Amino acid sequence: MKNLSPEVEKTIDAICALGCDVVSVTINALQNGELRPEYQALDDIQRASLLQELQSIMSVYQDGCR
Protein backbone atom coordinates (compact mmCIF):
# COMPACT_ATOMS: atom_id res chain seq x y z
CA MET A 1 0.00 0.00 0.00
CA LYS A 2 1.31 3.37 -0.93
CA ASN A 3 1.44 6.37 1.43
CA LEU A 4 -1.94 5.66 2.94
CA SER A 5 -2.97 7.04 6.28
CA PRO A 6 -3.11 4.49 9.10
CA GLU A 7 -6.90 4.92 9.22
CA VAL A 8 -7.24 4.02 5.53
CA GLU A 9 -4.88 1.04 5.87
CA LYS A 10 -6.87 -0.25 8.85
CA THR A 11 -10.13 0.19 6.94
CA ILE A 12 -8.77 -1.66 3.90
CA ASP A 13 -7.63 -4.55 6.09
CA ALA A 14 -11.01 -4.72 7.82
CA ILE A 15 -13.01 -4.60 4.57
CA CYS A 16 -10.80 -7.16 2.82
CA ALA A 17 -11.13 -9.50 5.80
CA LEU A 18 -14.89 -9.54 5.18
CA GLY A 19 -14.38 -11.09 1.75
CA CYS A 20 -14.45 -10.35 -1.92
CA ASP A 21 -18.20 -9.71 -2.15
CA VAL A 22 -18.04 -7.08 0.60
CA VAL A 23 -15.11 -5.40 -1.15
CA SER A 24 -17.17 -5.20 -4.36
CA VAL A 25 -20.19 -3.79 -2.51
CA THR A 26 -17.93 -1.25 -0.79
CA ILE A 27 -16.41 -0.13 -4.10
CA ASN A 28 -19.91 0.40 -5.55
CA ALA A 29 -21.01 2.31 -2.45
CA LEU A 30 -17.95 4.56 -2.59
CA GLN A 31 -18.50 5.23 -6.29
CA ASN A 32 -22.10 6.20 -5.55
CA GLY A 33 -21.15 8.45 -2.64
CA GLU A 34 -22.92 6.23 -0.11
CA LEU A 35 -21.84 6.06 3.51
CA ARG A 36 -21.23 2.67 5.06
CA PRO A 37 -20.24 1.88 8.65
CA GLU A 38 -16.93 0.41 7.47
CA TYR A 39 -15.60 3.80 6.33
CA GLN A 40 -17.90 6.49 7.71
CA ALA A 41 -15.14 7.85 9.98
CA LEU A 42 -12.93 8.66 6.97
CA ASP A 43 -12.95 12.08 5.32
CA ASP A 44 -13.52 12.62 1.57
CA ILE A 45 -9.82 12.42 0.69
CA GLN A 46 -9.38 9.24 2.70
CA ARG A 47 -12.46 7.74 1.04
CA ALA A 48 -11.00 8.53 -2.38
CA SER A 49 -7.77 6.78 -1.35
CA LEU A 50 -9.77 3.84 -0.04
CA LEU A 51 -11.66 3.54 -3.32
CA GLN A 52 -8.48 3.68 -5.39
CA GLU A 53 -6.75 1.06 -3.27
CA LEU A 54 -9.73 -1.31 -3.22
CA GLN A 55 -10.06 -1.00 -7.00
CA SER A 56 -6.37 -1.75 -7.35
CA ILE A 57 -6.68 -4.81 -5.14
CA MET A 58 -9.73 -6.07 -7.05
CA SER A 59 -8.08 -5.53 -10.44
CA VAL A 60 -6.15 -8.74 -9.74
CA TYR A 61 -9.46 -10.62 -9.87
CA GLN A 62 -10.37 -10.08 -13.51
CA ASP A 63 -13.28 -12.53 -13.41
CA GLY A 64 -14.71 -11.12 -10.23
CA CYS A 65 -14.84 -12.93 -6.91
CA ARG A 66 -13.78 -16.53 -7.19
PDB file of N, CA and C in Angstrom:
ATOM      1  N   MET A   1       0.852  -1.183   0.000  1.00  0.00           N
ATOM      2  CA  MET A   1       0.000   0.000   0.000  1.00  0.00           C
ATOM      3  C   MET A   1       0.886   1.231   0.000  1.00  0.00           C
ATOM      4  N   LYS A   2       0.467   2.204  -0.721  1.00  0.00           N
ATOM      5  CA  LYS A   2       1.306   3.372  -0.929  1.00  0.00           C
ATOM      6  C   LYS A   2       0.851   4.591  -0.128  1.00  0.00           C
ATOM      7  N   ASN A   3       1.686   5.120   0.697  1.00  0.00           N
ATOM      8  CA  ASN A   3       1.443   6.366   1.426  1.00  0.00           C
ATOM      9  C   ASN A   3      -0.004   6.562   1.878  1.00  0.00           C
ATOM     10  N   LEU A   4      -0.576   5.553   2.438  1.00  0.00           N
ATOM     11  CA  LEU A   4      -1.937   5.662   2.936  1.00  0.00           C
ATOM     12  C   LEU A   4      -1.909   5.992   4.415  1.00  0.00           C
ATOM     13  N   SER A   5      -2.898   6.738   4.853  1.00  0.00           N
ATOM     14  CA  SER A   5      -2.971   7.039   6.277  1.00  0.00           C
ATOM     15  C   SER A   5      -3.254   5.741   7.036  1.00  0.00           C
ATOM     16  N   PRO A   6      -2.849   5.695   8.296  1.00  0.00           N
ATOM     17  CA  PRO A   6      -3.110   4.494   9.101  1.00  0.00           C
ATOM     18  C   PRO A   6      -4.599   4.140   9.162  1.00  0.00           C
ATOM     19  N   GLU A   7      -5.456   5.161   9.174  1.00  0.00           N
ATOM     20  CA  GLU A   7      -6.901   4.919   9.217  1.00  0.00           C
ATOM     21  C   GLU A   7      -7.374   4.197   7.958  1.00  0.00           C
ATOM     22  N   VAL A   8      -6.846   4.637   6.796  1.00  0.00           N
ATOM     23  CA  VAL A   8      -7.238   4.022   5.527  1.00  0.00           C
ATOM     24  C   VAL A   8      -6.698   2.591   5.464  1.00  0.00           C
ATOM     25  N   GLU A   9      -5.460   2.391   5.871  1.00  0.00           N
ATOM     26  CA  GLU A   9      -4.882   1.040   5.868  1.00  0.00           C
ATOM     27  C   GLU A   9      -5.699   0.094   6.746  1.00  0.00           C
ATOM     28  N   LYS A  10      -6.072   0.564   7.929  1.00  0.00           N
ATOM     29  CA  LYS A  10      -6.873  -0.250   8.850  1.00  0.00           C
ATOM     30  C   LYS A  10      -8.233  -0.582   8.233  1.00  0.00           C
ATOM     31  N   THR A  11      -8.826   0.391   7.573  1.00  0.00           N
ATOM     32  CA  THR A  11     -10.132   0.192   6.943  1.00  0.00           C
ATOM     33  C   THR A  11     -10.029  -0.811   5.803  1.00  0.00           C
ATOM     34  N   ILE A  12      -8.980  -0.706   4.996  1.00  0.00           N
ATOM     35  CA  ILE A  12      -8.766  -1.657   3.901  1.00  0.00           C
ATOM     36  C   ILE A  12      -8.634  -3.068   4.456  1.00  0.00           C
ATOM     37  N   ASP A  13      -7.817  -3.231   5.477  1.00  0.00           N
ATOM     38  CA  ASP A  13      -7.633  -4.549   6.088  1.00  0.00           C
ATOM     39  C   ASP A  13      -8.960  -5.118   6.596  1.00  0.00           C
ATOM     40  N   ALA A  14      -9.735  -4.275   7.253  1.00  0.00           N
ATOM     41  CA  ALA A  14     -11.009  -4.720   7.817  1.00  0.00           C
ATOM     42  C   ALA A  14     -11.993  -5.109   6.719  1.00  0.00           C
ATOM     43  N   ILE A  15     -12.075  -4.310   5.670  1.00  0.00           N
ATOM     44  CA  ILE A  15     -13.007  -4.603   4.574  1.00  0.00           C
ATOM     45  C   ILE A  15     -12.568  -5.859   3.834  1.00  0.00           C
ATOM     46  N   CYS A  16     -11.293  -5.984   3.539  1.00  0.00           N
ATOM     47  CA  CYS A  16     -10.797  -7.162   2.823  1.00  0.00           C
ATOM     48  C   CYS A  16     -11.004  -8.439   3.631  1.00  0.00           C
ATOM     49  N   ALA A  17     -10.921  -8.336   4.943  1.00  0.00           N
ATOM     50  CA  ALA A  17     -11.127  -9.501   5.801  1.00  0.00           C
ATOM     51  C   ALA A  17     -12.568 -10.012   5.722  1.00  0.00           C
ATOM     52  N   LEU A  18     -13.491  -9.148   5.292  1.00  0.00           N
ATOM     53  CA  LEU A  18     -14.894  -9.536   5.179  1.00  0.00           C
ATOM     54  C   LEU A  18     -15.191 -10.297   3.887  1.00  0.00           C
ATOM     55  N   GLY A  19     -14.228 -10.296   2.968  1.00  0.00           N
ATOM     56  CA  GLY A  19     -14.384 -11.086   1.752  1.00  0.00           C
ATOM     57  C   GLY A  19     -14.593 -10.260   0.497  1.00  0.00           C
ATOM     58  N   CYS A  20     -14.420 -10.951  -0.593  1.00  0.00           N
ATOM     59  CA  CYS A  20     -14.454 -10.351  -1.922  1.00  0.00           C
ATOM     60  C   CYS A  20     -15.784  -9.657  -2.225  1.00  0.00           C
ATOM     61  N   ASP A  21     -16.885 -10.301  -1.856  1.00  0.00           N
ATOM     62  CA  ASP A  21     -18.198  -9.710  -2.146  1.00  0.00           C
ATOM     63  C   ASP A  21     -18.382  -8.386  -1.414  1.00  0.00           C
ATOM     64  N   VAL A  22     -17.926  -8.320  -0.178  1.00  0.00           N
ATOM     65  CA  VAL A  22     -18.044  -7.085   0.603  1.00  0.00           C
ATOM     66  C   VAL A  22     -17.157  -5.999  -0.005  1.00  0.00           C
ATOM     67  N   VAL A  23     -15.987  -6.373  -0.492  1.00  0.00           N
ATOM     68  CA  VAL A  23     -15.111  -5.400  -1.151  1.00  0.00           C
ATOM     69  C   VAL A  23     -15.825  -4.825  -2.370  1.00  0.00           C
ATOM     70  N   SER A  24     -16.454  -5.669  -3.169  1.00  0.00           N
ATOM     71  CA  SER A  24     -17.173  -5.200  -4.356  1.00  0.00           C
ATOM     72  C   SER A  24     -18.330  -4.268  -3.994  1.00  0.00           C
ATOM     73  N   VAL A  25     -19.079  -4.635  -2.968  1.00  0.00           N
ATOM     74  CA  VAL A  25     -20.189  -3.791  -2.508  1.00  0.00           C
ATOM     75  C   VAL A  25     -19.652  -2.442  -2.024  1.00  0.00           C
ATOM     76  N   THR A  26     -18.532  -2.478  -1.316  1.00  0.00           N
ATOM     77  CA  THR A  26     -17.928  -1.253  -0.790  1.00  0.00           C
ATOM     78  C   THR A  26     -17.469  -0.345  -1.926  1.00  0.00           C
ATOM     79  N   ILE A  27     -16.847  -0.920  -2.946  1.00  0.00           N
ATOM     80  CA  ILE A  27     -16.414  -0.128  -4.102  1.00  0.00           C
ATOM     81  C   ILE A  27     -17.620   0.555  -4.736  1.00  0.00           C
ATOM     82  N   ASN A  28     -18.694  -0.184  -4.955  1.00  0.00           N
ATOM     83  CA  ASN A  28     -19.906   0.398  -5.546  1.00  0.00           C
ATOM     84  C   ASN A  28     -20.466   1.513  -4.674  1.00  0.00           C
ATOM     85  N   ALA A  29     -20.488   1.294  -3.376  1.00  0.00           N
ATOM     86  CA  ALA A  29     -21.009   2.311  -2.451  1.00  0.00           C
ATOM     87  C   ALA A  29     -20.155   3.575  -2.499  1.00  0.00           C
ATOM     88  N   LEU A  30     -18.849   3.405  -2.508  1.00  0.00           N
ATOM     89  CA  LEU A  30     -17.946   4.563  -2.588  1.00  0.00           C
ATOM     90  C   LEU A  30     -18.151   5.318  -3.896  1.00  0.00           C
ATOM     91  N   GLN A  31     -18.296   4.593  -4.993  1.00  0.00           N
ATOM     92  CA  GLN A  31     -18.497   5.229  -6.292  1.00  0.00           C
ATOM     93  C   GLN A  31     -19.809   6.006  -6.335  1.00  0.00           C
ATOM     94  N   ASN A  32     -20.792   5.536  -5.582  1.00  0.00           N
ATOM     95  CA  ASN A  32     -22.102   6.196  -5.554  1.00  0.00           C
ATOM     96  C   ASN A  32     -22.222   7.237  -4.444  1.00  0.00           C
ATOM     97  N   GLY A  33     -21.139   7.457  -3.702  1.00  0.00           N
ATOM     98  CA  GLY A  33     -21.153   8.454  -2.641  1.00  0.00           C
ATOM     99  C   GLY A  33     -21.941   8.035  -1.411  1.00  0.00           C
ATOM    100  N   GLU A  34     -22.171   6.733  -1.268  1.00  0.00           N
ATOM    101  CA  GLU A  34     -22.917   6.234  -0.113  1.00  0.00           C
ATOM    102  C   GLU A  34     -22.001   6.088   1.102  1.00  0.00           C
ATOM    103  N   LEU A  35     -22.581   6.272   2.269  1.00  0.00           N
ATOM    104  CA  LEU A  35     -21.839   6.063   3.507  1.00  0.00           C
ATOM    105  C   LEU A  35     -22.136   4.675   4.036  1.00  0.00           C
ATOM    106  N   ARG A  36     -21.093   3.982   4.439  1.00  0.00           N
ATOM    107  CA  ARG A  36     -21.234   2.666   5.057  1.00  0.00           C
ATOM    108  C   ARG A  36     -20.471   2.691   6.375  1.00  0.00           C
ATOM    109  N   PRO A  37     -20.896   1.888   7.337  1.00  0.00           N
ATOM    110  CA  PRO A  37     -20.235   1.879   8.648  1.00  0.00           C
ATOM    111  C   PRO A  37     -18.734   1.605   8.562  1.00  0.00           C
ATOM    112  N   GLU A  38     -18.331   0.803   7.579  1.00  0.00           N
ATOM    113  CA  GLU A  38     -16.928   0.414   7.467  1.00  0.00           C
ATOM    114  C   GLU A  38     -15.990   1.610   7.263  1.00  0.00           C
ATOM    115  N   TYR A  39     -16.499   2.664   6.636  1.00  0.00           N
ATOM    116  CA  TYR A  39     -15.603   3.795   6.329  1.00  0.00           C
ATOM    117  C   TYR A  39     -16.200   5.163   6.661  1.00  0.00           C
ATOM    118  N   GLN A  40     -17.251   5.206   7.422  1.00  0.00           N
ATOM    119  CA  GLN A  40     -17.904   6.486   7.709  1.00  0.00           C
ATOM    120  C   GLN A  40     -17.018   7.459   8.488  1.00  0.00           C
ATOM    121  N   ALA A  41     -16.022   6.967   9.200  1.00  0.00           N
ATOM    122  CA  ALA A  41     -15.141   7.849   9.976  1.00  0.00           C
ATOM    123  C   ALA A  41     -14.078   8.527   9.103  1.00  0.00           C
ATOM    124  N   LEU A  42     -13.942   8.081   7.861  1.00  0.00           N
ATOM    125  CA  LEU A  42     -12.930   8.661   6.974  1.00  0.00           C
ATOM    126  C   LEU A  42     -13.456   9.937   6.317  1.00  0.00           C
ATOM    127  N   ASP A  43     -12.548  10.868   6.030  1.00  0.00           N
ATOM    128  CA  ASP A  43     -12.953  12.078   5.321  1.00  0.00           C
ATOM    129  C   ASP A  43     -12.977  11.803   3.816  1.00  0.00           C
ATOM    130  N   ASP A  44     -13.363  12.805   3.024  1.00  0.00           N
ATOM    131  CA  ASP A  44     -13.518  12.616   1.574  1.00  0.00           C
ATOM    132  C   ASP A  44     -12.221  12.187   0.892  1.00  0.00           C
ATOM    133  N   ILE A  45     -11.108  12.765   1.295  1.00  0.00           N
ATOM    134  CA  ILE A  45      -9.818  12.424   0.686  1.00  0.00           C
ATOM    135  C   ILE A  45      -9.443  10.989   1.033  1.00  0.00           C
ATOM    136  N   GLN A  46      -9.674  10.612   2.282  1.00  0.00           N
ATOM    137  CA  GLN A  46      -9.381   9.242   2.702  1.00  0.00           C
ATOM    138  C   GLN A  46     -10.290   8.245   1.981  1.00  0.00           C
ATOM    139  N   ARG A  47     -11.539   8.622   1.763  1.00  0.00           N
ATOM    140  CA  ARG A  47     -12.458   7.738   1.043  1.00  0.00           C
ATOM    141  C   ARG A  47     -12.013   7.564  -0.406  1.00  0.00           C
ATOM    142  N   ALA A  48     -11.509   8.625  -1.016  1.00  0.00           N
ATOM    143  CA  ALA A  48     -10.998   8.526  -2.385  1.00  0.00           C
ATOM    144  C   ALA A  48      -9.797   7.589  -2.428  1.00  0.00           C
ATOM    145  N   SER A  49      -8.924   7.679  -1.438  1.00  0.00           N
ATOM    146  CA  SER A  49      -7.770   6.779  -1.352  1.00  0.00           C
ATOM    147  C   SER A  49      -8.223   5.346  -1.148  1.00  0.00           C
ATOM    148  N   LEU A  50      -9.213   5.160  -0.297  1.00  0.00           N
ATOM    149  CA  LEU A  50      -9.770   3.840  -0.036  1.00  0.00           C
ATOM    150  C   LEU A  50     -10.319   3.242  -1.330  1.00  0.00           C
ATOM    151  N   LEU A  51     -11.084   4.018  -2.067  1.00  0.00           N
ATOM    152  CA  LEU A  51     -11.663   3.537  -3.321  1.00  0.00           C
ATOM    153  C   LEU A  51     -10.567   3.133  -4.299  1.00  0.00           C
ATOM    154  N   GLN A  52      -9.582   3.976  -4.468  1.00  0.00           N
ATOM    155  CA  GLN A  52      -8.476   3.677  -5.395  1.00  0.00           C
ATOM    156  C   GLN A  52      -7.771   2.383  -5.007  1.00  0.00           C
ATOM    157  N   GLU A  53      -7.488   2.238  -3.738  1.00  0.00           N
ATOM    158  CA  GLU A  53      -6.750   1.063  -3.268  1.00  0.00           C
ATOM    159  C   GLU A  53      -7.585  -0.210  -3.412  1.00  0.00           C
ATOM    160  N   LEU A  54      -8.864  -0.139  -3.076  1.00  0.00           N
ATOM    161  CA  LEU A  54      -9.726  -1.310  -3.221  1.00  0.00           C
ATOM    162  C   LEU A  54      -9.869  -1.696  -4.695  1.00  0.00           C
ATOM    163  N   GLN A  55      -9.984  -0.707  -5.568  1.00  0.00           N
ATOM    164  CA  GLN A  55     -10.060  -0.997  -7.005  1.00  0.00           C
ATOM    165  C   GLN A  55      -8.774  -1.649  -7.484  1.00  0.00           C
ATOM    166  N   SER A  56      -7.663  -1.177  -6.988  1.00  0.00           N
ATOM    167  CA  SER A  56      -6.369  -1.747  -7.352  1.00  0.00           C
ATOM    168  C   SER A  56      -6.275  -3.206  -6.891  1.00  0.00           C
ATOM    169  N   ILE A  57      -6.708  -3.454  -5.681  1.00  0.00           N
ATOM    170  CA  ILE A  57      -6.685  -4.810  -5.141  1.00  0.00           C
ATOM    171  C   ILE A  57      -7.582  -5.721  -5.987  1.00  0.00           C
ATOM    172  N   MET A  58      -8.769  -5.252  -6.314  1.00  0.00           N
ATOM    173  CA  MET A  58      -9.729  -6.072  -7.052  1.00  0.00           C
ATOM    174  C   MET A  58      -9.348  -6.247  -8.521  1.00  0.00           C
ATOM    175  N   SER A  59      -8.485  -5.402  -9.041  1.00  0.00           N
ATOM    176  CA  SER A  59      -8.083  -5.534 -10.440  1.00  0.00           C
ATOM    177  C   SER A  59      -7.348  -6.844 -10.692  1.00  0.00           C
ATOM    178  N   VAL A  60      -6.827  -7.447  -9.638  1.00  0.00           N
ATOM    179  CA  VAL A  60      -6.153  -8.736  -9.738  1.00  0.00           C
ATOM    180  C   VAL A  60      -7.171  -9.828 -10.094  1.00  0.00           C
ATOM    181  N   TYR A  61      -8.398  -9.637  -9.649  1.00  0.00           N
ATOM    182  CA  TYR A  61      -9.459 -10.625  -9.870  1.00  0.00           C
ATOM    183  C   TYR A  61     -10.285 -10.238 -11.089  1.00  0.00           C
ATOM    184  N   GLN A  62      -9.755 -10.529 -12.260  1.00  0.00           N
ATOM    185  CA  GLN A  62     -10.372 -10.085 -13.509  1.00  0.00           C
ATOM    186  C   GLN A  62     -11.754 -10.689 -13.732  1.00  0.00           C
ATOM    187  N   ASP A  63     -11.984 -11.883 -13.229  1.00  0.00           N
ATOM    188  CA  ASP A  63     -13.277 -12.530 -13.414  1.00  0.00           C
ATOM    189  C   ASP A  63     -14.201 -12.340 -12.220  1.00  0.00           C
ATOM    190  N   GLY A  64     -13.893 -11.358 -11.405  1.00  0.00           N
ATOM    191  CA  GLY A  64     -14.713 -11.118 -10.225  1.00  0.00           C
ATOM    192  C   GLY A  64     -14.284 -11.996  -9.067  1.00  0.00           C
ATOM    193  N   CYS A  65     -15.150 -12.166  -8.125  1.00  0.00           N
ATOM    194  CA  CYS A  65     -14.840 -12.926  -6.908  1.00  0.00           C
ATOM    195  C   CYS A  65     -14.914 -14.406  -7.159  1.00  0.00           C
ATOM    196  N   ARG A  66     -13.790 -15.063  -7.040  1.00  0.00           N
ATOM    197  CA  ARG A  66     -13.777 -16.528  -7.188  1.00  0.00           C
ATOM    198  C   ARG A  66     -12.631 -17.093  -6.428  1.00  0.00           C
TER     199      ARG A  66
END
